N, C-alpha and C. Protein backbone atom coordinates (compact mmCIF):
# COMPACT_ATOMS: atom_id res chain seq x y z
N UNK A 1 13.05 -70.33 -29.51
CA UNK A 1 13.91 -70.84 -30.00
C UNK A 1 13.90 -70.02 -31.26
N UNK A 2 13.16 -69.99 -32.10
CA UNK A 2 12.95 -69.95 -33.53
C UNK A 2 11.36 -68.97 -34.11
N UNK A 3 11.70 -67.83 -34.70
CA UNK A 3 10.99 -67.20 -34.49
C UNK A 3 9.19 -67.95 -35.51
N UNK A 4 8.20 -67.71 -35.68
CA UNK A 4 7.29 -68.03 -36.02
C UNK A 4 7.19 -68.34 -37.57
N UNK A 5 8.02 -67.42 -37.72
CA UNK A 5 7.61 -67.60 -39.17
C UNK A 5 9.15 -68.56 -40.41
N UNK A 6 10.08 -69.09 -39.24
CA UNK A 6 10.99 -70.33 -39.74
C UNK A 6 12.05 -69.44 -40.00
N UNK A 7 12.41 -68.67 -40.04
CA UNK A 7 13.37 -67.94 -40.24
C UNK A 7 14.72 -68.31 -39.81
N UNK A 8 14.78 -68.64 -38.25
CA UNK A 8 16.14 -69.21 -37.52
C UNK A 8 16.36 -67.64 -36.69
N UNK A 9 15.87 -67.15 -36.49
CA UNK A 9 15.96 -65.84 -35.78
C UNK A 9 16.02 -66.11 -34.42
N UNK A 10 16.63 -66.23 -32.89
CA UNK A 10 16.77 -66.90 -31.92
C UNK A 10 15.56 -65.80 -31.15
N UNK A 11 14.64 -66.63 -30.70
CA UNK A 11 13.64 -66.13 -29.67
C UNK A 11 13.91 -67.73 -28.27
N UNK A 12 13.29 -67.23 -27.54
CA UNK A 12 13.38 -67.42 -26.35
C UNK A 12 12.86 -69.75 -25.73
N UNK A 13 12.26 -69.53 -26.63
CA UNK A 13 11.56 -70.99 -26.24
C UNK A 13 11.12 -71.85 -27.27
N UNK A 14 11.64 -71.89 -28.76
CA UNK A 14 11.64 -72.79 -29.71
C UNK A 14 9.80 -72.64 -30.17
N UNK A 15 9.06 -71.54 -29.68
CA UNK A 15 7.66 -71.16 -30.25
C UNK A 15 7.81 -70.93 -31.70
N UNK A 16 6.80 -71.24 -32.46
CA UNK A 16 6.28 -71.14 -33.88
C UNK A 16 6.55 -72.28 -34.78
N UNK A 17 7.66 -72.89 -34.39
CA UNK A 17 7.91 -74.37 -35.09
C UNK A 17 6.99 -75.23 -34.61
N UNK A 18 6.26 -75.62 -35.90
CA UNK A 18 5.29 -77.04 -35.89
C UNK A 18 6.17 -78.18 -35.44
N UNK A 19 5.74 -78.82 -34.42
CA UNK A 19 6.11 -79.99 -34.07
C UNK A 19 5.31 -80.83 -33.16
N UNK A 20 5.37 -82.02 -32.56
CA UNK A 20 5.07 -82.84 -32.09
C UNK A 20 4.94 -82.31 -30.91
N UNK A 21 3.67 -82.47 -30.28
CA UNK A 21 3.99 -81.86 -28.41
C UNK A 21 3.89 -83.05 -27.58
N UNK A 22 5.50 -82.99 -26.86
CA UNK A 22 5.35 -84.43 -25.47
C UNK A 22 3.90 -84.13 -24.35
N UNK A 23 3.87 -84.78 -24.40
CA UNK A 23 2.19 -84.34 -23.15
C UNK A 23 2.52 -86.07 -22.20
N UNK A 24 2.51 -85.68 -20.80
CA UNK A 24 2.53 -86.60 -19.87
C UNK A 24 0.89 -87.04 -19.37
N UNK A 25 1.20 -88.43 -19.50
CA UNK A 25 0.17 -88.89 -19.22
C UNK A 25 0.45 -90.41 -19.35
N UNK A 26 0.44 -91.09 -17.51
CA UNK A 26 0.51 -91.76 -17.23
C UNK A 26 0.40 -93.28 -18.07
N UNK A 27 -0.74 -93.47 -18.55
CA UNK A 27 -1.24 -94.26 -19.78
C UNK A 27 -1.33 -93.65 -21.13
N UNK A 28 -1.43 -93.24 -21.36
CA UNK A 28 -1.21 -91.99 -22.66
C UNK A 28 -2.33 -91.08 -22.76
N UNK A 29 -3.12 -90.76 -23.79
CA UNK A 29 -3.50 -89.71 -24.13
C UNK A 29 -4.86 -90.04 -23.51
N UNK A 30 -5.56 -91.03 -24.06
CA UNK A 30 -6.59 -91.69 -24.08
C UNK A 30 -6.57 -92.94 -22.74
N UNK A 31 -6.10 -92.69 -21.83
CA UNK A 31 -6.06 -93.91 -21.03
C UNK A 31 -5.04 -94.30 -20.48
N UNK A 32 -4.70 -95.57 -20.88
CA UNK A 32 -3.45 -96.00 -20.79
C UNK A 32 -2.18 -95.83 -22.66
N UNK A 33 -1.15 -95.74 -21.99
CA UNK A 33 -0.31 -95.20 -23.03
C UNK A 33 -0.29 -95.86 -23.87
N UNK A 34 -0.84 -94.55 -24.93
CA UNK A 34 -1.33 -95.87 -26.58
C UNK A 34 -2.33 -96.63 -26.72
N UNK A 35 -3.13 -96.29 -25.79
CA UNK A 35 -4.37 -97.05 -25.91
C UNK A 35 -5.70 -96.13 -25.55
N UNK A 36 -7.22 -96.81 -25.18
CA UNK A 36 -8.18 -96.13 -24.72
C UNK A 36 -8.57 -96.10 -23.88
N UNK A 37 -7.89 -96.78 -22.85
CA UNK A 37 -8.33 -97.30 -21.66
C UNK A 37 -8.87 -95.79 -21.10
N UNK A 38 -9.25 -95.92 -19.82
CA UNK A 38 -10.13 -94.74 -19.14
C UNK A 38 -8.77 -94.17 -17.88
N UNK A 39 -7.58 -94.87 -17.93
CA UNK A 39 -6.46 -94.47 -16.67
C UNK A 39 -6.37 -93.22 -16.52
N UNK A 40 -6.16 -92.40 -14.88
CA UNK A 40 -5.66 -90.96 -15.18
C UNK A 40 -4.85 -90.15 -15.80
N UNK A 41 -5.42 -89.05 -16.27
CA UNK A 41 -4.65 -87.83 -16.35
C UNK A 41 -3.56 -86.64 -15.85
N UNK A 42 -2.53 -87.15 -15.51
CA UNK A 42 -2.09 -85.74 -14.59
C UNK A 42 -1.77 -84.27 -15.40
N UNK A 43 -2.33 -84.58 -16.95
CA UNK A 43 -2.04 -82.88 -17.44
C UNK A 43 -1.15 -82.85 -18.21
N UNK A 44 -0.36 -82.15 -18.98
CA UNK A 44 -0.04 -81.40 -19.54
C UNK A 44 1.61 -81.52 -18.55
N UNK A 45 2.86 -82.03 -19.22
CA UNK A 45 4.17 -82.24 -18.32
C UNK A 45 4.77 -81.02 -19.20
N UNK A 46 4.83 -80.75 -20.27
CA UNK A 46 5.80 -80.10 -21.50
C UNK A 46 4.91 -78.73 -22.39
N UNK A 47 5.30 -77.92 -21.89
CA UNK A 47 4.78 -76.82 -22.69
C UNK A 47 5.41 -76.49 -23.78
N UNK A 48 5.02 -75.97 -24.98
CA UNK A 48 5.44 -75.81 -26.17
C UNK A 48 6.47 -75.39 -26.48
N UNK A 49 7.33 -76.56 -26.96
CA UNK A 49 8.36 -76.62 -27.37
C UNK A 49 9.95 -77.20 -25.50
N UNK A 50 9.36 -76.92 -25.03
CA UNK A 50 10.12 -78.03 -23.70
C UNK A 50 10.56 -79.32 -23.95
N UNK A 51 10.40 -79.88 -25.09
CA UNK A 51 10.77 -81.11 -25.37
C UNK A 51 12.33 -81.04 -26.08
N UNK A 52 11.52 -80.08 -26.89
CA UNK A 52 13.39 -79.75 -27.90
C UNK A 52 14.16 -79.12 -26.48
N UNK A 53 13.87 -78.25 -25.56
CA UNK A 53 15.08 -77.77 -24.55
C UNK A 53 15.83 -79.29 -23.91
N UNK A 54 14.76 -80.01 -23.60
CA UNK A 54 15.33 -81.61 -23.02
C UNK A 54 15.99 -82.32 -23.96
N UNK A 55 15.53 -82.52 -24.78
CA UNK A 55 16.48 -83.01 -25.65
C UNK A 55 17.55 -82.59 -25.42
N UNK A 56 17.93 -81.45 -25.71
CA UNK A 56 19.04 -80.30 -26.26
C UNK A 56 19.95 -80.64 -25.18
N UNK A 57 19.18 -80.95 -23.95
CA UNK A 57 20.51 -80.68 -22.53
C UNK A 57 20.73 -82.31 -22.29
N UNK A 58 19.46 -83.23 -22.97
CA UNK A 58 20.23 -84.65 -23.13
C UNK A 58 21.05 -84.90 -23.92
N UNK A 59 21.64 -84.44 -24.98
CA UNK A 59 22.68 -84.80 -25.90
C UNK A 59 23.94 -83.75 -25.51
N UNK A 60 23.53 -83.05 -24.73
CA UNK A 60 24.82 -82.08 -24.06
C UNK A 60 25.51 -83.30 -23.04
N UNK A 61 24.28 -83.57 -22.21
CA UNK A 61 25.38 -84.13 -21.55
C UNK A 61 25.80 -85.51 -21.78
N UNK A 62 25.41 -86.20 -22.97
CA UNK A 62 26.75 -86.46 -23.66
C UNK A 62 25.72 -87.48 -24.91
N UNK A 63 26.62 -87.67 -25.99
CA UNK A 63 25.89 -88.45 -26.56
C UNK A 63 24.82 -89.22 -27.52
N UNK A 64 23.78 -89.10 -27.74
CA UNK A 64 22.86 -90.00 -27.38
C UNK A 64 22.37 -90.61 -28.93
N UNK A 65 21.88 -91.75 -29.42
CA UNK A 65 21.00 -92.02 -30.57
C UNK A 65 19.06 -91.66 -29.80
N UNK A 66 18.85 -91.52 -31.43
CA UNK A 66 17.67 -90.94 -30.53
C UNK A 66 16.40 -92.44 -29.38
N UNK A 67 17.24 -93.46 -29.58
CA UNK A 67 16.56 -94.77 -28.42
C UNK A 67 16.76 -94.04 -27.32
N UNK A 68 18.08 -93.65 -27.04
CA UNK A 68 19.07 -93.57 -26.07
C UNK A 68 17.88 -92.44 -25.58
N UNK A 69 17.72 -91.58 -25.95
CA UNK A 69 17.01 -90.23 -25.83
C UNK A 69 15.60 -90.16 -25.26
N UNK A 70 14.98 -91.19 -25.67
CA UNK A 70 13.61 -91.84 -25.75
C UNK A 70 13.49 -92.36 -24.08
N UNK A 71 14.70 -93.46 -24.21
CA UNK A 71 14.53 -93.61 -22.58
C UNK A 71 14.66 -93.19 -21.49
N UNK A 72 16.10 -92.01 -21.93
CA UNK A 72 16.20 -90.79 -21.16
C UNK A 72 14.96 -90.17 -19.93
N UNK A 73 14.64 -89.98 -21.10
CA UNK A 73 12.89 -88.70 -20.87
C UNK A 73 12.15 -90.18 -19.81
N UNK A 74 11.55 -91.01 -20.71
CA UNK A 74 11.31 -92.07 -19.69
C UNK A 74 12.10 -92.26 -18.61
N UNK A 75 12.75 -92.74 -18.47
CA UNK A 75 13.51 -92.54 -16.82
C UNK A 75 13.24 -91.51 -15.98
N UNK A 76 13.60 -90.26 -16.69
CA UNK A 76 13.53 -89.53 -15.75
C UNK A 76 11.75 -88.62 -15.34
N UNK A 77 10.99 -88.99 -16.52
CA UNK A 77 9.26 -89.17 -15.69
C UNK A 77 9.29 -90.41 -14.83
N UNK A 78 10.22 -91.09 -14.42
CA UNK A 78 9.72 -91.98 -13.45
C UNK A 78 9.26 -93.69 -13.59
N UNK A 79 9.50 -93.48 -15.87
CA UNK A 79 8.45 -94.62 -16.16
C UNK A 79 7.18 -94.28 -16.87
N UNK A 80 6.73 -92.91 -16.53
CA UNK A 80 5.37 -92.77 -17.09
C UNK A 80 5.24 -91.91 -18.14
N UNK A 81 6.22 -91.69 -19.05
CA UNK A 81 5.79 -90.54 -19.92
C UNK A 81 6.97 -91.65 -20.93
N UNK A 82 7.13 -92.05 -22.05
CA UNK A 82 8.47 -91.55 -23.17
C UNK A 82 7.57 -91.32 -24.54
N UNK A 83 8.35 -90.16 -24.70
CA UNK A 83 8.01 -89.66 -25.96
C UNK A 83 7.97 -90.87 -27.54
N UNK A 84 7.06 -90.51 -28.16
CA UNK A 84 6.83 -91.57 -29.37
C UNK A 84 8.30 -91.37 -30.32
N UNK A 85 8.77 -92.58 -31.03
CA UNK A 85 9.93 -92.32 -32.31
C UNK A 85 9.21 -90.94 -33.25
N UNK A 86 7.98 -90.88 -33.30
CA UNK A 86 7.92 -89.78 -34.19
C UNK A 86 7.48 -88.36 -33.56
N UNK A 87 7.85 -88.07 -32.62
CA UNK A 87 8.38 -87.09 -31.70
C UNK A 87 9.70 -86.42 -31.42
N UNK A 88 10.40 -87.50 -31.31
CA UNK A 88 11.90 -87.45 -31.06
C UNK A 88 12.43 -87.49 -32.33
N UNK A 89 12.43 -88.17 -33.45
CA UNK A 89 13.61 -87.79 -34.25
C UNK A 89 13.57 -86.31 -35.28
N UNK A 90 11.84 -86.30 -35.46
CA UNK A 90 11.69 -84.85 -36.36
C UNK A 90 12.25 -83.50 -34.87
N UNK A 91 12.15 -83.81 -33.70
CA UNK A 91 12.85 -82.59 -32.86
C UNK A 91 14.33 -82.64 -33.00
N UNK A 92 14.56 -83.86 -33.45
CA UNK A 92 16.20 -84.35 -33.47
C UNK A 92 16.86 -83.56 -35.15
N UNK A 93 16.26 -83.42 -36.04
CA UNK A 93 15.78 -82.83 -36.90
C UNK A 93 16.16 -81.57 -37.58
N UNK A 94 15.53 -81.24 -36.61
CA UNK A 94 14.98 -79.97 -35.97
C UNK A 94 16.46 -78.94 -35.12
N UNK A 95 16.65 -79.90 -34.24
CA UNK A 95 17.76 -79.31 -33.68
C UNK A 95 19.20 -78.95 -34.27
N UNK A 96 19.05 -80.23 -35.01
CA UNK A 96 20.44 -80.46 -36.20
C UNK A 96 20.19 -79.20 -37.19
N UNK A 97 19.36 -79.04 -37.75
CA UNK A 97 18.79 -77.81 -38.85
C UNK A 97 19.39 -76.62 -37.86
N UNK A 98 19.62 -76.70 -37.05
CA UNK A 98 19.79 -74.86 -36.41
C UNK A 98 21.05 -74.99 -35.31
N UNK A 99 21.94 -76.17 -35.81
CA UNK A 99 23.08 -75.99 -35.98
C UNK A 99 23.00 -76.23 -33.97
N UNK A 100 22.37 -76.56 -33.50
CA UNK A 100 22.30 -76.88 -32.00
C UNK A 100 23.05 -78.30 -31.38
N UNK A 101 22.90 -79.18 -32.75
CA UNK A 101 23.35 -80.25 -32.42
C UNK A 101 23.95 -80.85 -33.89
N UNK A 102 24.54 -82.14 -33.96
CA UNK A 102 25.20 -82.79 -34.65
C UNK A 102 25.27 -84.05 -35.08
N UNK A 103 25.61 -84.61 -36.08
CA UNK A 103 25.64 -86.10 -36.34
C UNK A 103 27.17 -86.33 -35.83
N UNK A 104 27.68 -87.20 -34.74
CA UNK A 104 28.68 -87.54 -34.36
C UNK A 104 29.14 -88.78 -35.32
N UNK A 105 28.48 -89.59 -35.49
CA UNK A 105 29.00 -90.77 -36.18
C UNK A 105 27.85 -91.58 -36.93
N UNK A 106 27.58 -92.58 -37.81
CA UNK A 106 26.14 -93.09 -37.90
C UNK A 106 27.02 -94.59 -37.97
N UNK A 107 26.21 -95.26 -37.34
CA UNK A 107 26.31 -96.44 -36.96
C UNK A 107 24.81 -97.13 -37.64
N UNK A 108 25.15 -97.83 -38.99
CA UNK A 108 24.27 -98.59 -40.16
C UNK A 108 23.41 -97.63 -39.79
N UNK A 109 22.03 -97.65 -39.43
CA UNK A 109 20.77 -96.39 -39.42
C UNK A 109 21.28 -95.32 -38.52
N UNK A 110 21.86 -95.64 -37.26
CA UNK A 110 22.13 -94.83 -35.79
C UNK A 110 23.22 -94.31 -36.26
N UNK A 111 22.14 -92.45 -35.40
CA UNK A 111 22.92 -91.90 -35.67
C UNK A 111 23.03 -91.07 -34.46
N UNK A 112 24.16 -90.91 -33.56
CA UNK A 112 24.54 -90.45 -32.87
C UNK A 112 24.84 -88.92 -32.67
N UNK A 113 24.13 -88.01 -31.60
CA UNK A 113 24.17 -87.00 -31.58
C UNK A 113 24.96 -86.54 -30.66
N UNK A 114 25.36 -85.69 -30.76
CA UNK A 114 26.45 -84.59 -30.20
C UNK A 114 26.25 -83.52 -30.16
N UNK A 115 26.10 -82.67 -29.26
CA UNK A 115 25.84 -81.21 -28.89
C UNK A 115 27.02 -79.96 -29.25
N UNK A 116 26.88 -78.78 -29.88
CA UNK A 116 27.59 -78.12 -30.71
C UNK A 116 27.81 -76.80 -30.02
N UNK A 117 28.96 -76.38 -29.96
CA UNK A 117 29.01 -75.09 -29.39
C UNK A 117 28.40 -74.15 -29.13
N UNK A 118 27.16 -73.98 -30.35
CA UNK A 118 26.17 -73.56 -30.46
C UNK A 118 24.73 -74.02 -29.30
N UNK A 119 24.61 -74.94 -29.65
CA UNK A 119 23.94 -75.79 -28.33
C UNK A 119 24.30 -75.61 -26.88
N UNK A 120 25.58 -75.72 -26.56
CA UNK A 120 25.90 -75.21 -25.28
C UNK A 120 26.17 -73.97 -24.97
N UNK A 121 26.22 -72.82 -25.49
CA UNK A 121 25.56 -71.19 -25.84
C UNK A 121 24.14 -71.70 -25.55
N UNK A 122 23.41 -71.98 -26.07
CA UNK A 122 22.23 -71.84 -26.13
C UNK A 122 21.47 -72.26 -24.42
N UNK A 123 22.14 -74.06 -24.29
CA UNK A 123 21.87 -74.33 -22.96
C UNK A 123 22.12 -73.21 -21.63
N UNK A 124 23.21 -72.58 -22.08
CA UNK A 124 23.73 -72.20 -21.05
C UNK A 124 23.44 -70.33 -20.83
N UNK A 125 22.38 -70.14 -22.25
CA UNK A 125 21.50 -68.50 -21.78
C UNK A 125 20.85 -68.95 -21.34
N UNK A 126 20.20 -70.70 -21.12
CA UNK A 126 18.93 -70.57 -20.74
C UNK A 126 18.91 -72.15 -19.47
N UNK A 127 19.71 -71.00 -19.11
CA UNK A 127 20.05 -72.22 -17.84
C UNK A 127 19.09 -72.55 -17.29
N UNK A 128 18.70 -71.48 -16.45
CA UNK A 128 17.30 -71.49 -16.09
C UNK A 128 16.15 -72.13 -15.99
N UNK A 129 15.52 -71.86 -17.54
CA UNK A 129 14.68 -72.74 -18.36
C UNK A 129 15.00 -73.90 -18.13
N UNK A 130 15.73 -74.29 -18.16
CA UNK A 130 16.02 -75.65 -18.12
C UNK A 130 16.05 -76.55 -16.89
N UNK A 131 16.50 -75.92 -15.87
CA UNK A 131 16.71 -76.29 -14.66
C UNK A 131 15.33 -76.72 -14.03
N UNK A 132 14.23 -75.11 -14.47
CA UNK A 132 12.85 -75.45 -14.64
C UNK A 132 12.24 -76.44 -14.72
N UNK A 133 12.34 -76.66 -16.08
CA UNK A 133 12.16 -77.83 -16.54
C UNK A 133 12.46 -79.59 -16.42
N UNK A 134 13.91 -79.44 -16.09
CA UNK A 134 13.98 -80.77 -15.24
C UNK A 134 13.38 -80.91 -13.71
N UNK A 135 13.21 -79.91 -12.85
CA UNK A 135 12.72 -80.69 -11.94
C UNK A 135 11.11 -80.58 -12.33
N UNK A 136 10.59 -80.05 -12.93
CA UNK A 136 8.76 -79.84 -13.43
C UNK A 136 8.64 -82.02 -13.70
N UNK A 137 9.75 -82.02 -14.95
CA UNK A 137 9.55 -83.55 -14.99
C UNK A 137 10.16 -84.42 -13.45
N UNK A 138 10.86 -84.26 -13.21
CA UNK A 138 11.17 -84.81 -11.88
C UNK A 138 10.03 -85.18 -10.80
N UNK A 139 9.37 -84.02 -10.85
CA UNK A 139 8.19 -83.40 -9.52
C UNK A 139 6.87 -84.36 -10.28
N UNK A 140 6.54 -84.43 -11.64
CA UNK A 140 5.47 -84.83 -12.26
C UNK A 140 5.95 -86.36 -11.73
N UNK A 141 7.16 -86.88 -11.95
CA UNK A 141 7.53 -88.48 -11.85
C UNK A 141 7.83 -88.85 -10.18
N UNK A 142 7.58 -87.80 -9.48
CA UNK A 142 6.87 -88.41 -8.23
C UNK A 142 5.98 -88.23 -7.76
N UNK A 143 5.56 -87.43 -7.95
CA UNK A 143 3.73 -86.74 -7.58
C UNK A 143 2.74 -87.73 -7.55
N UNK A 144 2.82 -88.84 -8.75
CA UNK A 144 1.65 -89.45 -8.70
C UNK A 144 1.65 -90.60 -8.09
N UNK A 145 3.25 -91.19 -7.38
CA UNK A 145 3.20 -92.54 -6.46
C UNK A 145 3.40 -93.41 -7.67
N UNK A 146 2.90 -93.72 -9.21
CA UNK A 146 2.97 -95.15 -9.43
C UNK A 146 4.57 -95.64 -9.49
N UNK A 147 4.95 -96.98 -9.26
CA UNK A 147 6.05 -97.65 -9.29
C UNK A 147 6.21 -97.64 -11.26
N UNK A 148 7.01 -97.16 -11.41
CA UNK A 148 6.95 -98.14 -13.48
C UNK A 148 7.06 -99.55 -13.38
N UNK A 149 7.29 -99.74 -12.34
CA UNK A 149 6.86 -101.30 -12.51
C UNK A 149 4.97 -101.83 -12.52
N UNK A 150 4.78 -101.04 -11.77
CA UNK A 150 3.15 -100.93 -12.09
C UNK A 150 2.42 -100.51 -13.54
N UNK A 151 3.10 -99.60 -13.47
CA UNK A 151 3.06 -99.07 -14.62
C UNK A 151 3.24 -99.82 -16.29
N UNK A 152 4.12 -100.35 -16.25
CA UNK A 152 4.87 -101.40 -17.07
C UNK A 152 3.50 -102.76 -17.10
N UNK A 153 3.03 -102.99 -16.36
CA UNK A 153 2.38 -104.46 -16.24
C UNK A 153 1.36 -103.75 -15.88
N UNK A 154 0.75 -102.54 -15.89
CA UNK A 154 -0.72 -101.69 -16.67
C UNK A 154 -0.68 -101.97 -18.11
N UNK A 155 0.01 -101.54 -18.48
CA UNK A 155 0.30 -101.69 -20.30
C UNK A 155 0.25 -102.71 -20.68
N UNK A 156 0.85 -103.58 -20.14
CA UNK A 156 0.86 -105.35 -20.43
C UNK A 156 -0.85 -105.87 -20.84
N UNK A 157 -1.23 -105.10 -19.41
CA UNK A 157 -2.56 -106.44 -19.55
C UNK A 157 -3.10 -105.54 -20.47
N UNK A 158 -3.04 -104.37 -20.84
CA UNK A 158 -3.61 -103.52 -21.57
C UNK A 158 -3.71 -103.85 -22.72
N UNK A 159 -2.19 -104.40 -23.12
CA UNK A 159 -1.67 -105.13 -24.71
C UNK A 159 -2.14 -106.27 -24.85
N UNK A 160 -1.75 -107.29 -24.05
CA UNK A 160 -3.00 -108.22 -23.87
C UNK A 160 -4.36 -108.44 -24.09
N UNK A 161 -5.18 -107.60 -23.12
CA UNK A 161 -6.71 -107.51 -23.26
C UNK A 161 -7.29 -106.90 -24.75
N UNK A 162 -6.28 -105.58 -25.22
CA UNK A 162 -6.29 -104.93 -26.85
C UNK A 162 -5.98 -106.38 -28.02
N UNK A 163 -4.93 -106.52 -27.92
CA UNK A 163 -4.62 -108.29 -28.64
C UNK A 163 -5.97 -109.34 -29.09
N UNK A 164 -6.27 -109.65 -27.61
CA UNK A 164 -6.91 -110.85 -27.38
C UNK A 164 -8.68 -110.51 -28.07
N UNK A 165 -9.17 -109.22 -27.14
CA UNK A 165 -10.21 -108.47 -28.08
C UNK A 165 -10.43 -107.82 -29.59
N UNK A 166 -9.07 -108.34 -29.80
CA UNK A 166 -9.14 -107.78 -31.87
C UNK A 166 -10.10 -108.92 -32.41
N UNK A 167 -10.26 -110.00 -31.73
CA UNK A 167 -10.83 -111.13 -32.50
C UNK A 167 -12.03 -111.22 -31.15
N UNK A 168 -13.28 -111.67 -31.84
CA UNK A 168 -14.07 -112.05 -31.09
C UNK A 168 -14.25 -112.99 -30.10
N UNK A 169 -14.63 -113.07 -28.97
CA UNK A 169 -14.93 -114.08 -28.13
C UNK A 169 -16.32 -114.87 -28.09
N UNK A 170 -15.49 -116.27 -27.70
CA UNK A 170 -17.06 -116.80 -27.53
C UNK A 170 -17.55 -116.68 -26.15
N UNK A 171 -19.06 -116.93 -25.87
CA UNK A 171 -18.96 -116.84 -24.17
C UNK A 171 -18.06 -117.58 -23.32
N UNK A 172 -17.86 -118.88 -23.12
CA UNK A 172 -17.01 -119.31 -22.26
C UNK A 172 -15.66 -118.37 -22.25
N UNK A 173 -14.74 -118.07 -23.73
CA UNK A 173 -13.95 -117.16 -23.30
C UNK A 173 -14.21 -115.76 -22.59
N UNK A 174 -14.93 -115.14 -22.74
CA UNK A 174 -15.38 -113.94 -22.10
C UNK A 174 -15.60 -114.20 -20.57
N UNK A 175 -16.39 -115.59 -20.54
CA UNK A 175 -16.51 -115.83 -18.85
C UNK A 175 -14.58 -116.14 -18.17
N UNK A 176 -14.29 -116.70 -18.76
CA UNK A 176 -12.95 -116.88 -18.27
C UNK A 176 -12.04 -115.89 -18.44
N UNK A 177 -12.03 -114.38 -19.44
CA UNK A 177 -10.95 -113.55 -19.37
C UNK A 177 -11.57 -112.67 -17.92
N UNK A 178 -13.63 -112.69 -17.85
CA UNK A 178 -13.45 -112.41 -16.85
C UNK A 178 -13.02 -112.38 -16.10
N UNK A 179 -13.22 -113.67 -15.68
CA UNK A 179 -12.31 -114.66 -13.95
C UNK A 179 -11.63 -114.03 -13.93
N UNK A 180 -10.45 -114.09 -14.51
CA UNK A 180 -8.86 -113.32 -14.62
C UNK A 180 -8.74 -112.27 -14.24
N UNK A 181 -9.52 -111.31 -14.66
CA UNK A 181 -8.83 -109.95 -14.10
C UNK A 181 -10.15 -109.72 -13.06
N UNK A 182 -11.07 -110.37 -12.47
CA UNK A 182 -11.77 -110.00 -11.31
C UNK A 182 -10.30 -110.53 -10.11
N UNK A 183 -10.45 -112.01 -10.45
CA UNK A 183 -9.02 -112.43 -9.15
C UNK A 183 -8.03 -111.84 -9.41
N UNK A 184 -7.69 -110.73 -10.26
CA UNK A 184 -6.32 -110.08 -10.03
C UNK A 184 -6.76 -108.64 -9.70
N UNK A 185 -8.02 -108.27 -9.80
CA UNK A 185 -8.38 -107.33 -8.94
C UNK A 185 -8.47 -107.54 -7.37
N UNK A 186 -9.24 -108.34 -6.71
CA UNK A 186 -9.32 -109.05 -5.67
C UNK A 186 -7.40 -109.26 -5.61
N UNK A 187 -6.60 -109.37 -5.78
CA UNK A 187 -5.23 -110.12 -5.26
C UNK A 187 -5.19 -108.11 -5.34
N UNK A 188 -5.29 -107.84 -5.89
CA UNK A 188 -4.01 -106.71 -5.68
C UNK A 188 -5.06 -105.87 -4.44
N UNK A 189 -6.19 -104.97 -4.31
CA UNK A 189 -6.71 -105.01 -3.39
C UNK A 189 -6.62 -105.84 -1.57
N UNK A 190 -5.74 -107.32 -2.11
CA UNK A 190 -5.26 -107.44 -0.56
C UNK A 190 -3.60 -107.28 -0.98
N UNK A 191 -2.90 -106.78 -1.78
CA UNK A 191 -1.72 -105.87 -1.62
C UNK A 191 -1.50 -104.83 -0.55
């Protein structure tokens, strides 16, 4: 959408602006989402600038808070990807600076963002790109076959392990944790 020099001159796809890139990994960049596990990687879902375009589309659907945008992206991705606040809020700031969205109202620390006329015009001019992006996100959400409930449960397990293993375990605790994990694995195999 903007040139590589940050002058604000229109371009077709937000290229040239530095921002955090959204990536589609059902369990995060390093395995489980946000952790260091060894879960499957499905590759990149968003090309450079795609997340900005998706955020603009979501705000055009209806005014949204940053958290609402995170949840909407997560829902579109079938629960397998949720952009971090460190990705979404800078994107909102950039979109606001380019007059594609505006703060409609402030509720304390929560800003409600709405699309501007320029934002609607940009989306209309790039309707094909928006439709292709939405189709790609939905296809990726359906392609792996993990139900969001299973992804959530796996993340809960990973977090519990991470928190518990952050302090040393004695031999009895190690045996107990291993037995619980082995039992869970056997039960899942029987489902």
